Amino acid sequence: MHSVIAKLRGHAQDGIENTQGEFGKLLSLSPLSVKLDEDPTPLEPYELSVLRSAQLKPEDVGKKVALLRCNNEQYLLLGVVE
């Protein structure tokens, strides 16, 4: 039991330490496309997941967005930066 809890805790800490916040520009909603500030190549739709509460609207296209880069090579789109 203790080894399982220790393993889960280790994975959770690793995920937090290896997760980085980044910014990008929302290029389109359908298909979902974002160009990161640090990388000129737009992310593909399969590389992005959207936080449920992000509530992106058509008028948000062209605005700056905040993302989290995760261990599984995907980005979690948090929403528009105010």
Protein backbone atom coordinates (compact mmCIF):
# COMPACT_ATOMS: atom_id res chain seq x y z
CA MET A 1 0.00 0.00 0.00
CA HIS A 2 2.76 2.44 0.95
CA SER A 3 4.69 1.73 -2.25
CA VAL A 4 1.61 2.44 -4.37
CA ILE A 5 0.99 5.76 -2.59
CA ALA A 6 4.67 6.68 -2.95
CA LYS A 7 4.58 5.87 -6.67
CA LEU A 8 1.42 7.95 -7.23
CA ARG A 9 2.91 10.85 -5.29
CA GLY A 10 6.12 10.64 -7.34
CA HIS A 11 4.20 10.75 -10.62
CA ALA A 12 2.13 13.71 -9.43
CA GLN A 13 5.23 15.66 -8.38
CA ASP A 14 6.99 14.83 -11.63
CA GLY A 15 4.03 16.13 -13.60
CA ILE A 16 3.99 19.39 -11.67
CA GLU A 17 7.75 19.93 -11.99
CA ASN A 18 7.80 19.19 -15.72
CA THR A 19 4.76 21.31 -16.56
CA GLN A 20 5.54 24.76 -17.89
CA GLY A 21 3.32 27.74 -18.56
CA GLU A 22 3.53 29.25 -22.02
CA PHE A 23 1.77 31.91 -24.07
CA GLY A 24 0.60 31.89 -27.64
CA LYS A 25 -1.76 33.46 -30.16
CA LEU A 26 -5.12 31.85 -30.92
CA LEU A 27 -5.21 31.46 -34.71
CA SER A 28 -8.58 29.72 -35.13
CA LEU A 29 -11.26 27.84 -33.22
CA SER A 30 -12.22 25.29 -35.87
CA PRO A 31 -9.85 23.66 -36.36
CA LEU A 32 -8.32 24.72 -33.06
CA SER A 33 -4.95 26.29 -33.78
CA VAL A 34 -2.47 28.17 -31.57
CA LYS A 35 0.95 29.58 -32.38
CA LEU A 36 3.23 29.62 -29.33
CA ASP A 37 5.28 32.75 -28.63
CA GLU A 38 8.47 30.64 -28.51
CA ASP A 39 7.71 28.49 -31.58
CA PRO A 40 6.62 29.86 -34.97
CA THR A 41 4.97 26.58 -36.02
CA PRO A 42 1.26 26.42 -35.06
CA LEU A 43 0.23 23.52 -32.83
CA GLU A 44 -1.89 20.82 -34.45
CA PRO A 45 -5.43 20.21 -33.11
CA TYR A 46 -4.38 16.84 -31.64
CA GLU A 47 -1.68 18.60 -29.59
CA LEU A 48 -4.24 20.79 -27.79
CA SER A 49 -6.80 20.18 -25.08
CA VAL A 50 -9.02 22.99 -23.83
CA LEU A 51 -9.79 23.59 -20.18
CA ARG A 52 -13.55 23.20 -19.80
CA SER A 53 -13.94 26.67 -18.27
CA ALA A 54 -11.93 28.40 -21.03
CA GLN A 55 -15.10 29.26 -23.02
CA LEU A 56 -13.35 30.46 -26.17
CA LYS A 57 -15.42 32.62 -28.52
CA PRO A 58 -14.93 33.60 -32.19
CA GLU A 59 -13.95 37.12 -31.12
CA ASP A 60 -11.03 35.62 -29.15
CA VAL A 61 -9.22 34.66 -32.38
CA GLY A 62 -6.04 36.70 -32.60
CA LYS A 63 -5.77 37.19 -28.83
CA LYS A 64 -3.04 35.94 -26.49
CA VAL A 65 -3.79 32.69 -24.68
CA ALA A 66 -2.15 30.87 -21.77
CA LEU A 67 -1.25 27.19 -22.06
CA LEU A 68 0.37 24.48 -19.94
CA ARG A 69 2.81 22.11 -21.59
CA CYS A 70 2.27 18.64 -20.16
CA ASN A 71 4.39 15.48 -19.99
CA ASN A 72 2.33 13.72 -22.66
CA GLU A 73 3.47 16.18 -25.37
CA GLN A 74 0.10 17.95 -25.31
CA TYR A 75 -0.81 21.48 -24.32
CA LEU A 76 -3.72 22.40 -22.08
CA LEU A 77 -5.23 25.67 -23.28
CA LEU A 78 -6.28 27.61 -20.17
CA GLY A 79 -7.94 30.57 -21.83
CA VAL A 80 -7.49 34.12 -23.07
CA VAL A 81 -5.04 36.38 -21.22
CA GLU A 82 -6.75 39.60 -20.13
